[in-house]
């Protein structure tokens, strides 16, 4: 959600701090992406590892789709930035 808020601040008022924060928010989302499991976790340990507990195994496809949507929007805003 913070990613989308930052995007709106950049697009509507040109907020420079929000522009800087966008990359940090995307990096934070990447911590939750587990390529080996082909999913986006809801919670991870501080080091980014999967938590062996029911809360650590929770997935919410809606949140994964929402995060992907925000990242795709950012890539479009940047003109197709592959990062």
PDB file of N, CA and C in Angstrom:
ATOM      1  N   UNK A   1       0.829  -1.192   0.000  1.00  0.00           N
ATOM      2  CA  UNK A   1       0.000   0.000   0.000  1.00  0.00           C
ATOM      3  C   UNK A   1       0.874   1.256   0.000  1.00  0.00           C
ATOM      4  N   UNK A   2       1.968   1.239   0.770  1.00  0.00           N
ATOM      5  CA  UNK A   2       2.848   2.414   0.792  1.00  0.00           C
ATOM      6  C   UNK A   2       3.411   2.697  -0.597  1.00  0.00           C
ATOM      7  N   UNK A   3       3.667   1.639  -1.358  1.00  0.00           N
ATOM      8  CA  UNK A   3       4.176   1.818  -2.719  1.00  0.00           C
ATOM      9  C   UNK A   3       3.178   2.609  -3.548  1.00  0.00           C
ATOM     10  N   UNK A   4       1.921   2.255  -3.463  1.00  0.00           N
ATOM     11  CA  UNK A   4       0.895   2.940  -4.248  1.00  0.00           C
ATOM     12  C   UNK A   4       0.720   4.381  -3.783  1.00  0.00           C
ATOM     13  N   UNK A   5       0.779   4.611  -2.493  1.00  0.00           N
ATOM     14  CA  UNK A   5       0.680   5.975  -1.962  1.00  0.00           C
ATOM     15  C   UNK A   5       1.848   6.815  -2.475  1.00  0.00           C
ATOM     16  N   UNK A   6       3.056   6.254  -2.430  1.00  0.00           N
ATOM     17  CA  UNK A   6       4.230   6.977  -2.930  1.00  0.00           C
ATOM     18  C   UNK A   6       4.084   7.280  -4.417  1.00  0.00           C
ATOM     19  N   UNK A   7       3.560   6.326  -5.180  1.00  0.00           N
ATOM     20  CA  UNK A   7       3.348   6.553  -6.611  1.00  0.00           C
ATOM     21  C   UNK A   7       2.386   7.716  -6.839  1.00  0.00           C
ATOM     22  N   UNK A   8       1.336   7.775  -6.064  1.00  0.00           N
ATOM     23  CA  UNK A   8       0.367   8.862  -6.208  1.00  0.00           C
ATOM     24  C   UNK A   8       0.991  10.208  -5.851  1.00  0.00           C
ATOM     25  N   UNK A   9       1.816  10.232  -4.802  1.00  0.00           N
ATOM     26  CA  UNK A   9       2.487  11.478  -4.421  1.00  0.00           C
ATOM     27  C   UNK A   9       3.427  11.956  -5.524  1.00  0.00           C
ATOM     28  N   UNK A  10       4.139  11.029  -6.136  1.00  0.00           N
ATOM     29  CA  UNK A  10       5.052  11.392  -7.227  1.00  0.00           C
ATOM     30  C   UNK A  10       4.267  11.898  -8.427  1.00  0.00           C
ATOM     31  N   UNK A  11       3.235  11.168  -8.808  1.00  0.00           N
ATOM     32  CA  UNK A  11       2.473  11.513 -10.006  1.00  0.00           C
ATOM     33  C   UNK A  11       1.685  12.812  -9.855  1.00  0.00           C
ATOM     34  N   UNK A  12       1.227  13.107  -8.657  1.00  0.00           N
ATOM     35  CA  UNK A  12       0.345  14.262  -8.479  1.00  0.00           C
ATOM     36  C   UNK A  12       1.035  15.525  -7.979  1.00  0.00           C
ATOM     37  N   UNK A  13       2.089  15.365  -7.166  1.00  0.00           N
ATOM     38  CA  UNK A  13       2.752  16.578  -6.673  1.00  0.00           C
ATOM     39  C   UNK A  13       4.269  16.545  -6.853  1.00  0.00           C
ATOM     40  N   UNK A  14       4.782  15.491  -7.503  1.00  0.00           N
ATOM     41  CA  UNK A  14       6.217  15.417  -7.762  1.00  0.00           C
ATOM     42  C   UNK A  14       7.073  15.292  -6.519  1.00  0.00           C
ATOM     43  N   UNK A  15       6.561  14.632  -5.503  1.00  0.00           N
ATOM     44  CA  UNK A  15       7.271  14.489  -4.228  1.00  0.00           C
ATOM     45  C   UNK A  15       8.574  13.701  -4.409  1.00  0.00           C
ATOM     46  N   UNK A  16       9.717  14.351  -4.166  1.00  0.00           N
ATOM     47  CA  UNK A  16      11.026  13.721  -4.374  1.00  0.00           C
ATOM     48  C   UNK A  16      11.316  12.625  -3.350  1.00  0.00           C
ATOM     49  N   UNK A  17      10.906  12.812  -2.101  1.00  0.00           N
ATOM     50  CA  UNK A  17      11.123  11.782  -1.086  1.00  0.00           C
ATOM     51  C   UNK A  17      10.340  10.521  -1.449  1.00  0.00           C
ATOM     52  N   UNK A  18       9.106  10.700  -1.898  1.00  0.00           N
ATOM     53  CA  UNK A  18       8.296   9.553  -2.303  1.00  0.00           C
ATOM     54  C   UNK A  18       8.956   8.819  -3.464  1.00  0.00           C
ATOM     55  N   UNK A  19       9.544   9.560  -4.382  1.00  0.00           N
ATOM     56  CA  UNK A  19      10.251   8.947  -5.521  1.00  0.00           C
ATOM     57  C   UNK A  19      11.384   8.047  -5.018  1.00  0.00           C
ATOM     58  N   UNK A  20      12.133   8.515  -4.035  1.00  0.00           N
ATOM     59  CA  UNK A  20      13.224   7.725  -3.462  1.00  0.00           C
ATOM     60  C   UNK A  20      12.703   6.489  -2.728  1.00  0.00           C
ATOM     61  N   UNK A  21      11.560   6.624  -2.083  1.00  0.00           N
ATOM     62  CA  UNK A  21      11.012   5.535  -1.283  1.00  0.00           C
ATOM     63  C   UNK A  21      10.461   4.398  -2.143  1.00  0.00           C
ATOM     64  N   UNK A  22      10.069   4.689  -3.367  1.00  0.00           N
ATOM     65  CA  UNK A  22       9.469   3.666  -4.228  1.00  0.00           C
ATOM     66  C   UNK A  22      10.398   2.464  -4.379  1.00  0.00           C
ATOM     67  N   UNK A  23      11.675   2.700  -4.665  1.00  0.00           N
ATOM     68  CA  UNK A  23      12.617   1.583  -4.809  1.00  0.00           C
ATOM     69  C   UNK A  23      12.753   0.798  -3.509  1.00  0.00           C
ATOM     70  N   UNK A  24      12.737   1.490  -2.383  1.00  0.00           N
ATOM     71  CA  UNK A  24      12.827   0.802  -1.092  1.00  0.00           C
ATOM     72  C   UNK A  24      11.604  -0.079  -0.851  1.00  0.00           C
ATOM     73  N   UNK A  25      10.422   0.420  -1.220  1.00  0.00           N
ATOM     74  CA  UNK A  25       9.208  -0.378  -1.047  1.00  0.00           C
ATOM     75  C   UNK A  25       9.229  -1.608  -1.948  1.00  0.00           C
ATOM     76  N   UNK A  26       9.711  -1.451  -3.179  1.00  0.00           N
ATOM     77  CA  UNK A  26       9.808  -2.597  -4.089  1.00  0.00           C
ATOM     78  C   UNK A  26      10.813  -3.614  -3.543  1.00  0.00           C
ATOM     79  N   UNK A  27      11.937  -3.142  -3.034  1.00  0.00           N
ATOM     80  CA  UNK A  27      12.926  -4.051  -2.436  1.00  0.00           C
ATOM     81  C   UNK A  27      12.335  -4.803  -1.250  1.00  0.00           C
ATOM     82  N   UNK A  28      11.514  -4.120  -0.466  1.00  0.00           N
ATOM     83  CA  UNK A  28      10.882  -4.777   0.684  1.00  0.00           C
ATOM     84  C   UNK A  28       9.918  -5.867   0.222  1.00  0.00           C
ATOM     85  N   UNK A  29       9.160  -5.608  -0.823  1.00  0.00           N
ATOM     86  CA  UNK A  29       8.247  -6.622  -1.362  1.00  0.00           C
ATOM     87  C   UNK A  29       9.038  -7.840  -1.819  1.00  0.00           C
ATOM     88  N   UNK A  30      10.192  -7.617  -2.433  1.00  0.00           N
ATOM     89  CA  UNK A  30      11.014  -8.730  -2.936  1.00  0.00           C
ATOM     90  C   UNK A  30      11.445  -9.685  -1.830  1.00  0.00           C
ATOM     91  N   UNK A  31      11.553  -9.212  -0.609  1.00  0.00           N
ATOM     92  CA  UNK A  31      11.916 -10.078   0.521  1.00  0.00           C
ATOM     93  C   UNK A  31      10.858 -11.163   0.716  1.00  0.00           C
ATOM     94  N   UNK A  32       9.613 -10.858   0.403  1.00  0.00           N
ATOM     95  CA  UNK A  32       8.505 -11.780   0.614  1.00  0.00           C
ATOM     96  C   UNK A  32       8.290 -12.729  -0.566  1.00  0.00           C
ATOM     97  N   UNK A  33       8.936 -12.453  -1.685  1.00  0.00           N
ATOM     98  CA  UNK A  33       8.814 -13.296  -2.878  1.00  0.00           C
ATOM     99  C   UNK A  33       9.757 -14.483  -2.734  1.00  0.00           C
ATOM    100  N   UNK A  34       9.196 -15.674  -2.827  1.00  0.00           N
ATOM    101  CA  UNK A  34       9.985 -16.905  -2.702  1.00  0.00           C
ATOM    102  C   UNK A  34       9.901 -17.664  -4.024  1.00  0.00           C
ATOM    103  N   UNK A  35      10.928 -17.471  -4.858  1.00  0.00           N
ATOM    104  CA  UNK A  35      10.953 -18.107  -6.177  1.00  0.00           C
ATOM    105  C   UNK A  35      10.898 -19.626  -6.080  1.00  0.00           C
ATOM    106  N   UNK A  36      11.602 -20.197  -5.100  1.00  0.00           N
ATOM    107  CA  UNK A  36      11.631 -21.653  -4.968  1.00  0.00           C
ATOM    108  C   UNK A  36      10.260 -22.228  -4.628  1.00  0.00           C
ATOM    109  N   UNK A  37       9.427 -21.449  -3.962  1.00  0.00           N
ATOM    110  CA  UNK A  37       8.069 -21.883  -3.610  1.00  0.00           C
ATOM    111  C   UNK A  37       7.024 -21.349  -4.584  1.00  0.00           C
ATOM    112  N   UNK A  38       7.464 -20.464  -5.482  1.00  0.00           N
ATOM    113  CA  UNK A  38       6.584 -19.825  -6.461  1.00  0.00           C
ATOM    114  C   UNK A  38       5.404 -19.133  -5.784  1.00  0.00           C
ATOM    115  N   UNK A  39       5.735 -18.309  -4.771  1.00  0.00           N
ATOM    116  CA  UNK A  39       4.677 -17.599  -4.059  1.00  0.00           C
ATOM    117  C   UNK A  39       5.225 -16.328  -3.409  1.00  0.00           C
ATOM    118  N   UNK A  40       4.290 -15.547  -2.905  1.00  0.00           N
ATOM    119  CA  UNK A  40       4.614 -14.363  -2.114  1.00  0.00           C
ATOM    120  C   UNK A  40       4.074 -14.631  -0.715  1.00  0.00           C
ATOM    121  N   UNK A  41       4.972 -14.673   0.259  1.00  0.00           N
ATOM    122  CA  UNK A  41       4.579 -14.972   1.631  1.00  0.00           C
ATOM    123  C   UNK A  41       3.946 -13.745   2.289  1.00  0.00           C
ATOM    124  N   UNK A  42       3.084 -13.992   3.254  1.00  0.00           N
ATOM    125  CA  UNK A  42       2.493 -12.903   4.034  1.00  0.00           C
ATOM    126  C   UNK A  42       3.460 -12.430   5.113  1.00  0.00           C
ATOM    127  N   UNK A  43       4.207 -13.371   5.692  1.00  0.00           N
ATOM    128  CA  UNK A  43       5.165 -13.045   6.748  1.00  0.00           C
ATOM    129  C   UNK A  43       6.447 -13.825   6.499  1.00  0.00           C
ATOM    130  N   UNK A  44       7.557 -13.204   6.822  1.00  0.00           N
ATOM    131  CA  UNK A  44       8.858 -13.883   6.772  1.00  0.00           C
ATOM    132  C   UNK A  44       9.642 -13.484   8.016  1.00  0.00           C
ATOM    133  N   UNK A  45      10.695 -14.240   8.298  1.00  0.00           N
ATOM    134  CA  UNK A  45      11.581 -13.910   9.419  1.00  0.00           C
ATOM    135  C   UNK A  45      12.359 -12.636   9.086  1.00  0.00           C
ATOM    136  N   UNK A  46      12.949 -11.993  10.090  1.00  0.00           N
ATOM    137  CA  UNK A  46      13.729 -10.771   9.833  1.00  0.00           C
ATOM    138  C   UNK A  46      14.807 -10.935   8.762  1.00  0.00           C
ATOM    139  N   UNK A  47      15.336 -12.156   8.618  1.00  0.00           N
ATOM    140  CA  UNK A  47      16.357 -12.385   7.588  1.00  0.00           C
ATOM    141  C   UNK A  47      15.753 -12.752   6.232  1.00  0.00           C
ATOM    142  N   UNK A  48      14.429 -12.770   6.144  1.00  0.00           N
ATOM    143  CA  UNK A  48      13.745 -13.060   4.885  1.00  0.00           C
ATOM    144  C   UNK A  48      13.411 -14.521   4.672  1.00  0.00           C
ATOM    145  N   UNK A  49      13.800 -15.372   5.607  1.00  0.00           N
ATOM    146  CA  UNK A  49      13.517 -16.799   5.458  1.00  0.00           C
ATOM    147  C   UNK A  49      12.062 -17.103   5.829  1.00  0.00           C
ATOM    148  N   UNK A  50      11.594 -18.243   5.335  1.00  0.00           N
ATOM    149  CA  UNK A  50      10.234 -18.684   5.630  1.00  0.00           C
ATOM    150  C   UNK A  50      10.183 -19.142   7.083  1.00  0.00           C
ATOM    151  N   UNK A  51       9.142 -18.730   7.787  1.00  0.00           N
ATOM    152  CA  UNK A  51       8.957 -19.099   9.193  1.00  0.00           C
ATOM    153  C   UNK A  51       8.212 -20.428   9.250  1.00  0.00           C
ATOM    154  N   UNK A  52       8.752 -21.403   9.977  1.00  0.00           N
ATOM    155  CA  UNK A  52       8.119 -22.712  10.090  1.00  0.00           C
ATOM    156  C   UNK A  52       7.051 -22.684  11.182  1.00  0.00           C
ATOM    157  N   UNK A  53       5.977 -22.014  10.872  1.00  0.00           N
ATOM    158  CA  UNK A  53       4.841 -21.856  11.781  1.00  0.00           C
ATOM    159  C   UNK A  53       3.629 -21.570  10.907  1.00  0.00           C
ATOM    160  N   UNK A  54       2.444 -21.804  11.406  1.00  0.00           N
ATOM    161  CA  UNK A  54       1.247 -21.593  10.589  1.00  0.00           C
ATOM    162  C   UNK A  54       1.183 -20.166  10.028  1.00  0.00           C
ATOM    163  N   UNK A  55       1.557 -19.172  10.831  1.00  0.00           N
ATOM    164  CA  UNK A  55       1.555 -17.790  10.337  1.00  0.00           C
ATOM    165  C   UNK A  55       2.592 -17.592   9.235  1.00  0.00           C
ATOM    166  N   UNK A  56       3.688 -18.300   9.337  1.00  0.00           N
ATOM    167  CA  UNK A  56       4.748 -18.189   8.347  1.00  0.00           C
ATOM    168  C   UNK A  56       4.452 -18.910   7.049  1.00  0.00           C
ATOM    169  N   UNK A  57       3.434 -19.749   7.058  1.00  0.00           N
ATOM    170  CA  UNK A  57       3.050 -20.476   5.846  1.00  0.00           C
ATOM    171  C   UNK A  57       1.791 -19.909   5.207  1.00  0.00           C
ATOM    172  N   UNK A  58       1.335 -18.764   5.696  1.00  0.00           N
ATOM    173  CA  UNK A  58       0.115 -18.149   5.178  1.00  0.00           C
ATOM    174  C   UNK A  58       0.388 -17.432   3.864  1.00  0.00           C
ATOM    175  N   UNK A  59      -0.502 -17.649   2.912  1.00  0.00           N
ATOM    176  CA  UNK A  59      -0.436 -16.978   1.617  1.00  0.00           C
ATOM    177  C   UNK A  59      -1.750 -16.252   1.382  1.00  0.00           C
ATOM    178  N   UNK A  60      -1.699 -15.112   0.726  1.00  0.00           N
ATOM    179  CA  UNK A  60      -2.911 -14.395   0.343  1.00  0.00           C
ATOM    180  C   UNK A  60      -2.735 -13.979  -1.115  1.00  0.00           C
ATOM    181  N   UNK A  61      -3.326 -14.741  -2.040  1.00  0.00           N
ATOM    182  CA  UNK A  61      -3.151 -14.425  -3.456  1.00  0.00           C
ATOM    183  C   UNK A  61      -3.560 -12.999  -3.809  1.00  0.00           C
ATOM    184  N   UNK A  62      -4.544 -12.462  -3.119  1.00  0.00           N
ATOM    185  CA  UNK A  62      -4.976 -11.088  -3.390  1.00  0.00           C
ATOM    186  C   UNK A  62      -3.882 -10.077  -3.109  1.00  0.00           C
ATOM    187  N   UNK A  63      -3.138 -10.284  -2.038  1.00  0.00           N
ATOM    188  CA  UNK A  63      -2.032  -9.378  -1.713  1.00  0.00           C
ATOM    189  C   UNK A  63      -0.904  -9.509  -2.734  1.00  0.00           C
ATOM    190  N   UNK A  64      -0.644 -10.743  -3.184  1.00  0.00           N
ATOM    191  CA  UNK A  64       0.392 -10.953  -4.202  1.00  0.00           C
ATOM    192  C   UNK A  64       0.014 -10.260  -5.506  1.00  0.00           C
ATOM    193  N   UNK A  65      -1.242 -10.382  -5.906  1.00  0.00           N
ATOM    194  CA  UNK A  65      -1.717  -9.734  -7.133  1.00  0.00           C
ATOM    195  C   UNK A  65      -1.645  -8.221  -6.994  1.00  0.00           C
ATOM    196  N   UNK A  66      -2.052  -7.712  -5.843  1.00  0.00           N
ATOM    197  CA  UNK A  66      -2.013  -6.271  -5.593  1.00  0.00           C
ATOM    198  C   UNK A  66      -0.577  -5.740  -5.677  1.00  0.00           C
ATOM    199  N   UNK A  67       0.361  -6.432  -5.056  1.00  0.00           N
ATOM    200  CA  UNK A  67       1.765  -6.003  -5.102  1.00  0.00           C
ATOM    201  C   UNK A  67       2.287  -6.029  -6.535  1.00  0.00           C
ATOM    202  N   UNK A  68       1.936  -7.076  -7.274  1.00  0.00           N
ATOM    203  CA  UNK A  68       2.368  -7.164  -8.677  1.00  0.00           C
ATOM    204  C   UNK A  68       1.795  -6.011  -9.489  1.00  0.00           C
ATOM    205  N   UNK A  69       0.555  -5.674  -9.238  1.00  0.00           N
ATOM    206  CA  UNK A  69      -0.103  -4.574  -9.950  1.00  0.00           C
ATOM    207  C   UNK A  69       0.645  -3.262  -9.694  1.00  0.00           C
ATOM    208  N   UNK A  70       0.992  -2.992  -8.439  1.00  0.00           N
ATOM    209  CA  UNK A  70       1.712  -1.759  -8.105  1.00  0.00           C
ATOM    210  C   UNK A  70       3.091  -1.732  -8.769  1.00  0.00           C
ATOM    211  N   UNK A  71       3.774  -2.876  -8.769  1.00  0.00           N
ATOM    212  CA  UNK A  71       5.105  -2.933  -9.383  1.00  0.00           C
ATOM    213  C   UNK A  71       5.009  -2.767 -10.897  1.00  0.00           C
ATOM    214  N   UNK A  72       4.020  -3.386 -11.516  1.00  0.00           N
ATOM    215  CA  UNK A  72       3.826  -3.212 -12.961  1.00  0.00           C
ATOM    216  C   UNK A  72       3.493  -1.764 -13.298  1.00  0.00           C
ATOM    217  N   UNK A  73       2.700  -1.129 -12.448  1.00  0.00           N
ATOM    218  CA  UNK A  73       2.381   0.290 -12.646  1.00  0.00           C
ATOM    219  C   UNK A  73       3.658   1.124 -12.599  1.00  0.00           C
ATOM    220  N   UNK A  74       4.542   0.793 -11.676  1.00  0.00           N
ATOM    221  CA  UNK A  74       5.803   1.528 -11.558  1.00  0.00           C
ATOM    222  C   UNK A  74       6.683   1.298 -12.779  1.00  0.00           C
ATOM    223  N   UNK A  75       6.732   0.068 -13.262  1.00  0.00           N
ATOM    224  CA  UNK A  75       7.518  -0.220 -14.471  1.00  0.00           C
ATOM    225  C   UNK A  75       6.978   0.576 -15.655  1.00  0.00           C
ATOM    226  N   UNK A  76       5.672   0.658 -15.769  1.00  0.00           N
ATOM    227  CA  UNK A  76       5.055   1.444 -16.848  1.00  0.00           C
ATOM    228  C   UNK A  76       5.389   2.924 -16.681  1.00  0.00           C
ATOM    229  N   UNK A  77       5.322   3.419 -15.451  1.00  0.00           N
ATOM    230  CA  UNK A  77       5.621   4.830 -15.188  1.00  0.00           C
ATOM    231  C   UNK A  77       7.061   5.159 -15.572  1.00  0.00           C
ATOM    232  N   UNK A  78       7.957   4.189 -15.388  1.00  0.00           N
ATOM    233  CA  UNK A  78       9.371   4.389 -15.701  1.00  0.00           C
ATOM    234  C   UNK A  78       9.697   4.079 -17.161  1.00  0.00           C
ATOM    235  N   UNK A  79       8.693   3.750 -17.925  1.00  0.00           N
ATOM    236  CA  UNK A  79       8.927   3.456 -19.335  1.00  0.00           C
ATOM    237  C   UNK A  79       9.423   2.046 -19.595  1.00  0.00           C
ATOM    238  N   UNK A  80       9.017   1.112 -18.753  1.00  0.00           N
ATOM    239  CA  UNK A  80       9.378  -0.285 -18.961  1.00  0.00           C
ATOM    240  C   UNK A  80      10.635  -0.721 -18.252  1.00  0.00           C
ATOM    241  N   UNK A  81      11.005  -0.060 -17.182  1.00  0.00           N
ATOM    242  CA  UNK A  81      12.202  -0.395 -16.405  1.00  0.00           C
ATOM    243  C   UNK A  81      12.154  -1.865 -15.980  1.00  0.00           C
ATOM    244  N   UNK A  82      13.119  -2.702 -16.417  1.00  0.00           N
ATOM    245  CA  UNK A  82      13.098  -4.125 -16.077  1.00  0.00           C
ATOM    246  C   UNK A  82      13.407  -4.419 -14.616  1.00  0.00           C
ATOM    247  N   UNK A  83      13.990  -3.479 -13.891  1.00  0.00           N
ATOM    248  CA  UNK A  83      14.318  -3.696 -12.488  1.00  0.00           C
ATOM    249  C   UNK A  83      13.080  -3.528 -11.655  1.00  0.00           C
TER     250      UNK A  83
END
